[in-house]
Amino acid sequence: MVDMTAPTPKNMICDPACGTTGFHAAVSEYLRNHLGDSIYTNER
């Protein structure tokens, strides 16, 4: 699901299922894998 939505650091992330925060963890991993350290700066 995360790959399909392709979130960016500027997106607001919502997990409507409110389960075990698995979606939030997957988004965090996706951003680290696709953007690297630039998620911690204003580069993008």
N, C-alpha and C. Protein backbone atom coordinates (compact mmCIF):
# COMPACT_ATOMS: atom_id res chain seq x y z
N MET A 1 0.82 -1.19 0.00
CA MET A 1 0.00 0.00 0.00
C MET A 1 0.87 1.26 0.00
N VAL A 2 1.96 1.23 0.75
CA VAL A 2 2.84 2.40 0.82
C VAL A 2 3.46 2.68 -0.55
N ASP A 3 3.90 1.64 -1.24
CA ASP A 3 4.48 1.84 -2.58
C ASP A 3 3.46 2.45 -3.53
N MET A 4 2.21 2.09 -3.40
CA MET A 4 1.17 2.62 -4.28
C MET A 4 0.91 4.10 -4.00
N THR A 5 1.00 4.52 -2.76
CA THR A 5 0.72 5.91 -2.43
C THR A 5 1.95 6.81 -2.61
N ALA A 6 3.15 6.23 -2.56
CA ALA A 6 4.41 6.96 -2.75
C ALA A 6 4.44 8.26 -1.95
N PRO A 7 4.42 8.17 -0.62
CA PRO A 7 4.39 9.38 0.21
C PRO A 7 5.69 10.17 0.12
N THR A 8 5.59 11.44 0.42
CA THR A 8 6.74 12.33 0.49
C THR A 8 6.80 12.92 1.90
N PRO A 9 7.92 13.51 2.28
CA PRO A 9 8.02 14.09 3.63
C PRO A 9 7.00 15.20 3.90
N LYS A 10 6.45 15.80 2.85
CA LYS A 10 5.48 16.88 3.04
C LYS A 10 4.05 16.39 3.19
N ASN A 11 3.81 15.09 2.98
CA ASN A 11 2.46 14.54 3.11
C ASN A 11 2.10 14.28 4.57
N MET A 12 0.81 14.44 4.87
CA MET A 12 0.32 14.06 6.19
C MET A 12 -0.07 12.58 6.10
N ILE A 13 0.44 11.78 7.01
CA ILE A 13 0.21 10.35 6.96
C ILE A 13 -0.88 9.98 7.98
N CYS A 14 -1.88 9.26 7.52
CA CYS A 14 -2.97 8.82 8.38
C CYS A 14 -3.17 7.33 8.21
N ASP A 15 -3.32 6.63 9.31
CA ASP A 15 -3.61 5.20 9.27
C ASP A 15 -5.03 5.00 9.79
N PRO A 16 -6.01 4.91 8.89
CA PRO A 16 -7.40 4.81 9.33
C PRO A 16 -7.70 3.53 10.10
N ALA A 17 -6.91 2.51 9.94
CA ALA A 17 -7.15 1.26 10.67
C ALA A 17 -6.71 1.39 12.13
N CYS A 18 -5.76 2.29 12.39
CA CYS A 18 -5.26 2.52 13.75
C CYS A 18 -4.91 1.22 14.46
N GLY A 19 -4.22 0.36 13.77
CA GLY A 19 -3.83 -0.93 14.34
C GLY A 19 -2.59 -0.83 15.18
N THR A 20 -1.54 -1.51 14.76
CA THR A 20 -0.29 -1.56 15.53
C THR A 20 0.75 -0.59 14.99
N THR A 21 0.32 0.45 14.32
CA THR A 21 1.16 1.46 13.66
C THR A 21 2.06 0.86 12.58
N GLY A 22 1.68 -0.27 12.05
CA GLY A 22 2.45 -0.90 10.98
C GLY A 22 2.55 -0.03 9.74
N PHE A 23 1.47 0.69 9.42
CA PHE A 23 1.49 1.55 8.24
C PHE A 23 2.46 2.70 8.44
N HIS A 24 2.47 3.29 9.62
CA HIS A 24 3.39 4.39 9.91
C HIS A 24 4.85 3.90 9.84
N ALA A 25 5.11 2.73 10.34
CA ALA A 25 6.46 2.16 10.28
C ALA A 25 6.86 1.90 8.83
N ALA A 26 5.93 1.41 8.03
CA ALA A 26 6.21 1.14 6.62
C ALA A 26 6.49 2.44 5.85
N VAL A 27 5.76 3.51 6.18
CA VAL A 27 6.00 4.80 5.54
C VAL A 27 7.38 5.32 5.91
N SER A 28 7.75 5.20 7.17
CA SER A 28 9.07 5.64 7.62
C SER A 28 10.17 4.88 6.89
N GLU A 29 10.02 3.58 6.76
CA GLU A 29 11.01 2.77 6.05
C GLU A 29 11.06 3.15 4.57
N TYR A 30 9.90 3.37 3.97
CA TYR A 30 9.83 3.77 2.56
C TYR A 30 10.60 5.07 2.34
N LEU A 31 10.35 6.06 3.21
CA LEU A 31 11.02 7.36 3.05
C LEU A 31 12.53 7.23 3.23
N ARG A 32 12.96 6.46 4.21
CA ARG A 32 14.41 6.27 4.40
C ARG A 32 15.03 5.59 3.20
N ASN A 33 14.36 4.58 2.64
CA ASN A 33 14.90 3.84 1.49
C ASN A 33 14.93 4.68 0.22
N HIS A 34 13.93 5.53 0.02
CA HIS A 34 13.83 6.28 -1.22
C HIS A 34 14.48 7.66 -1.16
N LEU A 35 14.59 8.24 0.02
CA LEU A 35 15.12 9.60 0.12
C LEU A 35 16.40 9.70 0.93
N GLY A 36 16.75 8.65 1.63
CA GLY A 36 17.98 8.66 2.42
C GLY A 36 17.97 9.74 3.48
N ASP A 37 19.10 10.34 3.72
CA ASP A 37 19.24 11.37 4.75
C ASP A 37 18.58 12.68 4.38
N SER A 38 18.17 12.84 3.14
CA SER A 38 17.57 14.11 2.75
C SER A 38 16.23 14.33 3.44
N ILE A 39 15.63 13.31 4.05
CA ILE A 39 14.37 13.53 4.77
C ILE A 39 14.60 14.36 6.03
N TYR A 40 15.84 14.49 6.45
CA TYR A 40 16.15 15.27 7.65
C TYR A 40 16.59 16.69 7.33
N THR A 41 16.61 17.05 6.06
CA THR A 41 17.03 18.39 5.65
C THR A 41 15.95 19.02 4.79
N ASN A 42 16.18 20.20 4.31
CA ASN A 42 15.24 20.87 3.43
C ASN A 42 15.60 20.69 1.97
N GLU A 43 16.31 19.64 1.63
CA GLU A 43 16.78 19.43 0.26
C GLU A 43 15.64 19.09 -0.69
N ARG A 44 14.56 18.51 -0.21
CA ARG A 44 13.46 18.12 -1.10
C ARG A 44 12.17 18.75 -0.66
